[in-house]
Amino acid sequence: MGPRALGLLLLVAIPLAACEGEPLRATARSGPSLALAQTPQEPPPPPSAPDDEATARGGYWLGVDLVGPAAAQQAAAAELGQDLTQQDPAEQPPPGIVVGHEALVEDAVRWIDAFAFEPHPELPTDPLALRRVPAPAPAGGLWQRHGAILVAFVISGATPQLRPRAIDWPLDQLAILPPGSTWLPAALVPERAPLFAAPAPAVPPAAEAHAFAHRRGGLFVLGWVDRCIDEPAGPRCLRWAQVVARDGDRFTPGYLPMFQVARRSTWVRGEGPLPRAQLVATGIADGQAQWVLLARAEDNQLHRHTLRAPATADGWPPSTLRVEGHEAIVTLGEQPPQRLPLDASLDARPRERPQGETEDEEHDDQ
């Protein structure tokens, strides 16, 4: 072998030896090499992060906004970050108290899930039955153990150089959830709604809210509970969703009345994407179970109508919904089927406002 050929061999061998043991993506970031060009490779898996592979694995900083004495905040932050990788930002720190770093957004969401509600919410096995069960306060474990109150979890984007970057959150909310997650993607029905720290038999004044949820952000349902007042005619109840609401990079746990929540998985469609409809069990009063029928018409406008049927001893009677053409066919309990138009006339029909709803609420599911 001549000197020139030997020199070329060394130029190829040295970078390959330096990369031994590195993941393939690390080698690919450092530039193409002869070995990579000659080795057939499988197509990469679809990206699991909301932006381009977390901008080449720059990852995410995890932070919190807390209220309370400095010592309480410090102790709570230490617990929140005890199982996280520590990566100091190269420039200005991201918002909130930074407690750690994760490479994947799914791991960041899993971290939020561990502290949002304690004990962890469980999706009911029987959605028709009243759930008069304890309702843990949002991030109540941090308050009980340290005396610190959570305002919000914060997920901030990082570049490979550990500088700040904006996160391009996906429209498909399932894309950020870890495998096995029980979070249910949903949409806020009004434009903006108060987020409460505890459920009640009626919606409290907005001034008692600890945060606000916004339709422009994301929403996830973790479970639901019912809060009731026992009356001679039967219980008067309001159903509440346990949620985590995303507004930009901030994730806030709390409670929303169920009539303000449209779960993605419960939409019923006909032959096409529109019109579509869903029934939302919202409350019980005067021996009557109550639902809100939400309908997205072909003009892409959202309409609603309140429906009632005799309650059962356990809660709501069975109900069915199907969409045929421009009509919803609804059966509630032993009542005969009702045909309801999925258009603006649905709003004009006489109805009783769901318990706690205000007159100026605007409903949507986008």
Protein backbone atom coordinates (compact mmCIF):
# COMPACT_ATOMS: atom_id res chain seq x y z
CA MET A 1 0.00 0.00 0.00
CA GLY A 2 1.40 3.39 -1.01
CA PRO A 3 1.85 6.34 1.36
CA ARG A 4 -1.08 8.22 -0.12
CA ALA A 5 -3.47 5.28 0.28
CA LEU A 6 -2.27 4.75 3.86
CA GLY A 7 -2.93 8.41 4.66
CA LEU A 8 -6.49 8.22 3.31
CA LEU A 9 -7.13 5.10 5.38
CA LEU A 10 -6.00 6.87 8.55
CA LEU A 11 -8.22 9.90 7.80
CA VAL A 12 -11.24 7.59 7.70
CA ALA A 13 -10.23 5.31 10.59
CA ILE A 14 -9.44 8.04 13.14
CA PRO A 15 -12.92 9.67 13.22
CA LEU A 16 -14.58 6.25 13.23
CA ALA A 17 -12.51 5.14 16.24
CA ALA A 18 -13.34 8.36 18.04
CA CYS A 19 -17.08 7.67 17.60
CA GLU A 20 -17.10 4.08 18.88
CA GLY A 21 -19.91 3.57 21.36
CA GLU A 22 -21.73 6.77 20.32
CA PRO A 23 -25.41 6.51 19.34
CA LEU A 24 -26.03 6.76 15.63
CA ARG A 25 -27.70 10.14 15.94
CA ALA A 26 -24.60 11.61 17.59
CA THR A 27 -22.45 10.43 14.66
CA ALA A 28 -24.94 11.79 12.17
CA ARG A 29 -24.87 15.22 13.83
CA SER A 30 -21.10 15.41 13.52
CA GLY A 31 -21.35 15.15 9.73
CA PRO A 32 -21.43 12.37 7.13
CA SER A 33 -18.70 9.72 7.14
CA LEU A 34 -17.62 6.97 4.74
CA ALA A 35 -18.94 4.25 7.08
CA LEU A 36 -22.40 5.86 7.32
CA ALA A 37 -22.60 6.31 3.57
CA GLN A 38 -21.79 2.67 2.90
CA THR A 39 -24.00 1.10 5.60
CA PRO A 40 -27.69 0.63 4.71
CA GLN A 41 -29.93 2.02 7.44
CA GLU A 42 -33.57 1.59 8.42
CA PRO A 43 -35.89 4.58 8.06
CA PRO A 44 -35.91 6.68 11.25
CA PRO A 45 -38.96 6.36 13.50
CA PRO A 46 -41.50 9.20 13.39
CA PRO A 47 -40.54 12.07 15.71
CA SER A 48 -41.98 11.73 19.19
CA ALA A 49 -41.22 15.28 20.28
CA PRO A 50 -43.47 18.27 19.45
CA ASP A 51 -40.68 19.93 17.49
CA ASP A 52 -37.95 18.52 15.24
CA GLU A 53 -36.52 15.74 17.43
CA ALA A 54 -36.38 18.24 20.29
CA THR A 55 -34.07 20.31 18.08
CA ALA A 56 -31.47 17.58 17.75
CA ARG A 57 -31.86 16.53 21.39
CA GLY A 58 -31.39 19.90 22.99
CA GLY A 59 -34.23 18.69 25.17
CA TYR A 60 -36.32 20.51 27.72
CA TRP A 61 -35.80 22.31 31.00
CA LEU A 62 -38.37 21.51 33.67
CA GLY A 63 -39.36 24.27 36.02
CA VAL A 64 -42.08 25.41 38.40
CA ASP A 65 -43.70 28.57 39.66
CA LEU A 66 -44.21 28.26 43.42
CA VAL A 67 -45.68 30.44 46.15
CA GLY A 68 -44.66 30.22 49.77
CA PRO A 69 -41.73 30.86 52.12
CA ALA A 70 -38.31 30.63 50.49
CA ALA A 71 -37.38 27.55 52.52
CA ALA A 72 -40.63 25.81 51.48
CA GLN A 73 -40.02 26.60 47.81
CA GLN A 74 -36.45 25.34 48.06
CA ALA A 75 -37.54 22.06 49.67
CA ALA A 76 -40.31 21.53 47.11
CA ALA A 77 -37.93 22.27 44.21
CA ALA A 78 -35.43 19.78 45.60
CA GLU A 79 -38.07 17.04 45.66
CA LEU A 80 -39.29 17.90 42.17
CA GLY A 81 -35.77 17.63 40.75
CA GLN A 82 -34.39 14.67 42.69
CA ASP A 83 -34.77 12.17 39.80
CA LEU A 84 -33.97 14.57 36.95
CA THR A 85 -30.79 15.25 35.00
CA GLN A 86 -29.22 18.59 35.89
CA GLN A 87 -28.20 20.86 33.00
CA ASP A 88 -27.36 24.49 33.70
CA PRO A 89 -28.43 26.90 30.95
CA ALA A 90 -25.60 28.56 29.01
CA GLU A 91 -27.27 31.98 29.04
CA GLN A 92 -30.28 33.47 30.81
CA PRO A 93 -32.26 30.87 32.77
CA PRO A 94 -35.67 29.78 31.47
CA PRO A 95 -38.85 30.89 33.29
CA GLY A 96 -39.64 29.60 36.76
CA ILE A 97 -37.45 27.69 39.17
CA VAL A 98 -35.49 25.22 37.04
CA VAL A 99 -35.38 21.82 38.71
CA GLY A 100 -33.96 19.61 35.95
CA HIS A 101 -33.70 18.64 32.30
CA GLU A 102 -35.18 15.89 30.10
CA ALA A 103 -34.32 14.91 26.54
CA LEU A 104 -37.87 13.87 25.57
CA VAL A 105 -41.12 15.75 25.99
CA GLU A 106 -42.85 12.49 26.98
CA ASP A 107 -40.58 12.30 30.02
CA ALA A 108 -41.38 15.92 30.86
CA VAL A 109 -45.11 15.13 30.78
CA ARG A 110 -44.53 12.01 32.90
CA TRP A 111 -42.81 14.24 35.47
CA ILE A 112 -45.85 16.55 35.58
CA ASP A 113 -48.16 13.57 35.93
CA ALA A 114 -46.27 12.39 39.03
CA PHE A 115 -46.97 15.60 40.96
CA ALA A 116 -50.15 17.11 39.43
CA PHE A 117 -52.54 15.20 41.73
CA GLU A 118 -51.74 12.95 44.68
CA PRO A 119 -53.07 10.30 44.78
CA HIS A 120 -53.06 9.90 41.02
CA PRO A 121 -56.55 10.21 39.44
CA GLU A 122 -58.14 7.12 37.94
CA LEU A 123 -60.53 7.10 35.02
CA PRO A 124 -63.91 5.76 36.27
CA THR A 125 -64.87 2.24 35.23
CA ASP A 126 -68.54 3.27 35.19
CA PRO A 127 -68.96 6.76 33.70
CA LEU A 128 -72.71 6.75 34.47
CA ALA A 129 -72.29 6.40 38.24
CA LEU A 130 -71.90 9.33 40.60
CA ARG A 131 -68.32 9.66 41.90
CA ARG A 132 -68.56 11.24 45.34
CA VAL A 133 -64.92 10.49 46.09
CA PRO A 134 -62.15 12.62 47.60
CA ALA A 135 -60.74 15.22 45.23
CA PRO A 136 -57.04 15.92 45.85
CA ALA A 137 -55.84 19.50 45.58
CA PRO A 138 -53.66 20.32 42.57
CA ALA A 139 -50.07 19.48 43.55
CA GLY A 140 -51.37 19.12 47.08
CA GLY A 141 -48.51 16.81 48.03
CA LEU A 142 -46.04 19.69 47.74
CA TRP A 143 -48.16 21.75 50.12
CA GLN A 144 -48.57 18.92 52.61
CA ARG A 145 -44.87 18.01 52.66
CA HIS A 146 -43.24 21.42 52.29
CA GLY A 147 -45.82 24.22 52.61
CA ALA A 148 -45.31 25.39 49.01
CA ILE A 149 -48.19 26.10 46.61
CA LEU A 150 -47.78 25.27 42.94
CA VAL A 151 -48.79 27.95 40.44
CA ALA A 152 -47.73 26.06 37.29
CA PHE A 153 -45.30 23.55 35.87
CA VAL A 154 -43.13 25.02 33.11
CA ILE A 155 -41.55 23.14 30.19
CA SER A 156 -38.98 25.23 28.31
CA GLY A 157 -37.11 24.30 25.13
CA ALA A 158 -33.31 24.04 25.04
CA THR A 159 -30.88 23.97 22.11
CA PRO A 160 -27.93 21.53 22.06
CA GLN A 161 -25.86 24.49 23.28
CA LEU A 162 -28.28 24.82 26.25
CA ARG A 163 -29.68 28.12 25.04
CA PRO A 164 -33.42 28.92 25.08
CA ARG A 165 -35.59 27.94 22.12
CA ALA A 166 -39.31 28.17 21.41
CA ILE A 167 -41.33 24.95 21.49
CA ASP A 168 -43.59 24.20 18.54
CA TRP A 169 -46.40 22.41 20.38
CA PRO A 170 -48.28 19.99 18.09
CA LEU A 171 -51.96 20.26 17.28
CA ASP A 172 -52.30 16.55 17.98
CA GLN A 173 -52.03 16.48 21.76
CA LEU A 174 -51.45 12.73 21.79
CA ALA A 175 -47.99 13.39 20.31
CA ILE A 176 -46.59 14.59 23.64
CA LEU A 177 -47.99 11.83 25.87
CA PRO A 178 -45.76 8.99 27.09
CA PRO A 179 -46.67 5.36 26.32
CA GLY A 180 -49.33 4.08 28.69
CA SER A 181 -50.55 7.55 29.67
CA THR A 182 -54.16 7.76 30.82
CA TRP A 183 -54.47 11.48 29.99
CA LEU A 184 -57.39 12.16 27.62
CA PRO A 185 -56.88 15.00 25.09
CA ALA A 186 -59.73 17.49 25.23
CA ALA A 187 -60.69 21.03 24.28
CA LEU A 188 -62.02 23.86 26.38
CA VAL A 189 -65.55 24.76 25.32
CA PRO A 190 -65.57 28.47 26.26
CA GLU A 191 -62.83 30.82 25.12
CA ARG A 192 -61.55 31.19 28.67
CA ALA A 193 -62.61 29.56 31.94
CA PRO A 194 -61.59 29.79 35.60
CA LEU A 195 -59.62 26.83 36.88
CA PHE A 196 -60.45 25.90 40.46
CA ALA A 197 -58.43 24.17 43.16
CA ALA A 198 -61.41 22.14 44.40
CA PRO A 199 -64.82 21.04 43.06
CA ALA A 200 -68.12 22.17 44.60
CA PRO A 201 -71.85 21.45 44.16
CA ALA A 202 -72.13 24.72 42.20
CA VAL A 203 -69.56 26.72 40.26
CA PRO A 204 -67.86 29.21 42.62
CA PRO A 205 -67.31 32.85 41.62
CA ALA A 206 -64.48 33.35 39.16
CA ALA A 207 -62.66 35.41 41.79
CA GLU A 208 -62.02 32.17 43.69
CA ALA A 209 -60.15 30.58 40.78
CA HIS A 210 -56.43 29.88 41.21
CA ALA A 211 -55.75 30.10 37.45
CA PHE A 212 -57.46 30.34 34.06
CA ALA A 213 -57.63 27.86 31.20
CA HIS A 214 -57.62 29.09 27.59
CA ARG A 215 -59.01 27.49 24.46
CA ARG A 216 -55.88 28.54 22.54
CA GLY A 217 -53.82 26.12 24.66
CA GLY A 218 -54.09 22.41 25.35
CA LEU A 219 -56.26 20.47 27.76
CA PHE A 220 -56.05 16.97 29.21
CA VAL A 221 -58.63 15.15 31.34
CA LEU A 222 -57.18 12.88 34.04
CA GLY A 223 -60.46 11.87 35.69
CA TRP A 224 -63.68 13.33 37.07
CA VAL A 225 -65.60 13.65 40.33
CA ASP A 226 -69.10 14.71 41.37
CA ARG A 227 -69.97 17.15 44.14
CA CYS A 228 -73.49 17.00 45.56
CA ILE A 229 -75.92 18.50 48.02
CA ASP A 230 -78.45 16.00 49.37
CA GLU A 231 -82.02 17.38 49.11
CA PRO A 232 -85.44 15.83 49.78
CA ALA A 233 -86.02 15.36 46.03
CA GLY A 234 -82.64 13.72 45.64
CA PRO A 235 -79.05 14.86 45.31
CA ARG A 236 -78.20 18.01 43.40
CA CYS A 237 -74.83 17.35 41.78
CA LEU A 238 -72.32 18.95 39.46
CA ARG A 239 -69.69 16.89 37.60
CA TRP A 240 -66.12 18.21 37.51
CA ALA A 241 -63.19 17.22 35.33
CA GLN A 242 -59.71 16.84 36.83
CA VAL A 243 -57.52 18.46 34.20
CA VAL A 244 -54.09 19.73 33.30
CA ALA A 245 -54.43 22.86 31.18
CA ARG A 246 -51.58 24.02 28.94
CA ASP A 247 -51.16 27.71 28.12
CA GLY A 248 -48.00 28.10 26.06
CA ASP A 249 -45.23 26.36 28.01
CA ARG A 250 -47.15 26.42 31.30
CA PHE A 251 -49.11 23.41 32.57
CA THR A 252 -51.60 24.00 35.39
CA PRO A 253 -53.61 21.28 37.17
CA GLY A 254 -57.07 22.01 38.49
CA TYR A 255 -60.81 21.41 38.15
CA LEU A 256 -63.27 22.52 35.45
CA PRO A 257 -67.04 21.95 35.31
CA MET A 258 -67.58 19.09 32.88
CA PHE A 259 -69.96 21.16 30.74
CA GLN A 260 -66.92 23.26 29.75
CA VAL A 261 -64.93 20.27 28.47
CA ALA A 262 -65.15 18.43 25.13
CA ARG A 263 -63.14 15.20 25.12
CA ARG A 264 -61.64 14.35 21.76
CA SER A 265 -62.45 10.62 21.99
CA THR A 266 -66.20 11.11 22.54
CA TRP A 267 -67.08 12.88 19.27
CA VAL A 268 -69.57 10.91 17.16
CA ARG A 269 -69.50 11.44 13.40
CA GLY A 270 -71.69 10.47 10.50
CA GLU A 271 -70.31 9.76 7.08
CA GLY A 272 -67.83 12.66 7.10
CA PRO A 273 -65.88 14.80 9.56
CA LEU A 274 -68.81 17.23 9.90
CA PRO A 275 -71.30 17.41 11.40
CA ARG A 276 -70.28 15.71 14.63
CA ALA A 277 -71.73 15.65 18.13
CA GLN A 278 -71.15 14.41 21.65
CA LEU A 279 -73.16 14.00 24.85
CA VAL A 280 -71.58 15.32 28.04
CA ALA A 281 -73.00 14.25 31.40
CA THR A 282 -72.98 17.44 33.47
CA GLY A 283 -75.16 17.21 36.57
CA ILE A 284 -78.24 15.98 38.43
CA ALA A 285 -81.01 18.12 39.93
CA ASP A 286 -84.61 17.52 41.05
CA GLY A 287 -84.39 13.84 40.18
CA GLN A 288 -83.34 14.61 36.61
CA ALA A 289 -80.00 13.69 35.04
CA GLN A 290 -78.63 16.35 32.75
CA TRP A 291 -76.47 16.28 29.61
CA VAL A 292 -75.22 18.93 27.22
CA LEU A 293 -75.34 17.95 23.54
CA LEU A 294 -72.42 19.63 21.77
CA ALA A 295 -72.63 19.76 17.98
CA ARG A 296 -70.16 20.99 15.39
CA ALA A 297 -72.20 21.77 12.28
CA GLU A 298 -71.12 21.72 8.65
CA ASP A 299 -70.49 25.48 8.82
CA ASN A 300 -67.90 24.65 11.53
CA GLN A 301 -69.91 26.52 14.18
CA LEU A 302 -70.46 24.91 17.56
CA HIS A 303 -73.99 24.57 18.92
CA ARG A 304 -75.39 23.07 22.09
CA HIS A 305 -78.57 21.91 23.72
CA THR A 306 -79.36 20.73 27.25
CA LEU A 307 -81.15 17.40 27.66
CA ARG A 308 -82.74 15.79 30.71
CA ALA A 309 -84.04 12.38 31.72
CA PRO A 310 -84.99 10.75 35.05
CA ALA A 311 -81.90 9.94 37.09
CA THR A 312 -81.21 6.47 38.41
CA ALA A 313 -80.29 5.53 41.97
CA ASP A 314 -76.62 5.52 40.92
CA GLY A 315 -76.58 8.56 38.65
CA TRP A 316 -77.20 8.81 34.91
CA PRO A 317 -79.27 6.32 32.89
CA PRO A 318 -77.74 4.75 29.78
CA SER A 319 -77.66 7.01 26.73
CA THR A 320 -76.92 6.55 23.05
CA LEU A 321 -76.03 8.99 20.29
CA ARG A 322 -75.65 8.55 16.57
CA VAL A 323 -75.36 11.01 13.71
CA GLU A 324 -77.38 10.53 10.54
CA GLY A 325 -76.95 13.19 7.91
CA HIS A 326 -77.61 16.53 9.61
CA GLU A 327 -79.39 15.08 12.63
CA ALA A 328 -78.41 13.61 15.97
CA ILE A 329 -80.53 10.72 17.23
CA VAL A 330 -80.38 10.64 21.03
CA THR A 331 -81.86 8.08 23.40
CA LEU A 332 -81.80 8.79 27.13
CA GLY A 333 -82.83 6.04 29.52
CA GLU A 334 -86.30 4.72 28.70
CA GLN A 335 -87.34 7.83 26.78
CA PRO A 336 -88.14 7.46 23.06
CA PRO A 337 -85.37 8.53 20.67
CA GLN A 338 -85.11 12.24 19.91
CA ARG A 339 -84.07 13.65 16.55
CA LEU A 340 -82.22 16.95 16.87
CA PRO A 341 -80.90 19.07 13.99
CA LEU A 342 -77.17 19.70 14.01
CA ASP A 343 -77.38 23.34 13.03
CA ALA A 344 -78.03 26.77 14.57
CA SER A 345 -81.65 25.87 15.38
CA LEU A 346 -80.28 23.62 18.13
CA ASP A 347 -79.37 26.74 20.14
CA ALA A 348 -82.81 28.30 19.62
CA ARG A 349 -84.70 25.44 21.24
CA PRO A 350 -85.86 26.07 24.83
CA ARG A 351 -83.39 24.66 27.28
CA GLU A 352 -82.32 24.92 30.88
CA ARG A 353 -78.87 26.31 31.41
CA PRO A 354 -76.48 23.77 32.99
CA GLN A 355 -76.03 24.40 36.68
CA GLY A 356 -73.43 27.10 37.27
CA GLU A 357 -73.17 28.24 33.64
CA THR A 358 -73.08 31.99 32.98
CA GLU A 359 -74.95 33.66 30.13
CA ASP A 360 -71.94 35.07 28.30
CA GLU A 361 -70.02 31.84 27.79
CA GLU A 362 -68.86 31.09 24.26
CA HIS A 363 -68.46 27.42 23.38
CA ASP A 364 -65.97 25.81 21.03
CA ASP A 365 -63.88 22.68 20.81
CA GLN A 366 -60.89 23.78 18.73
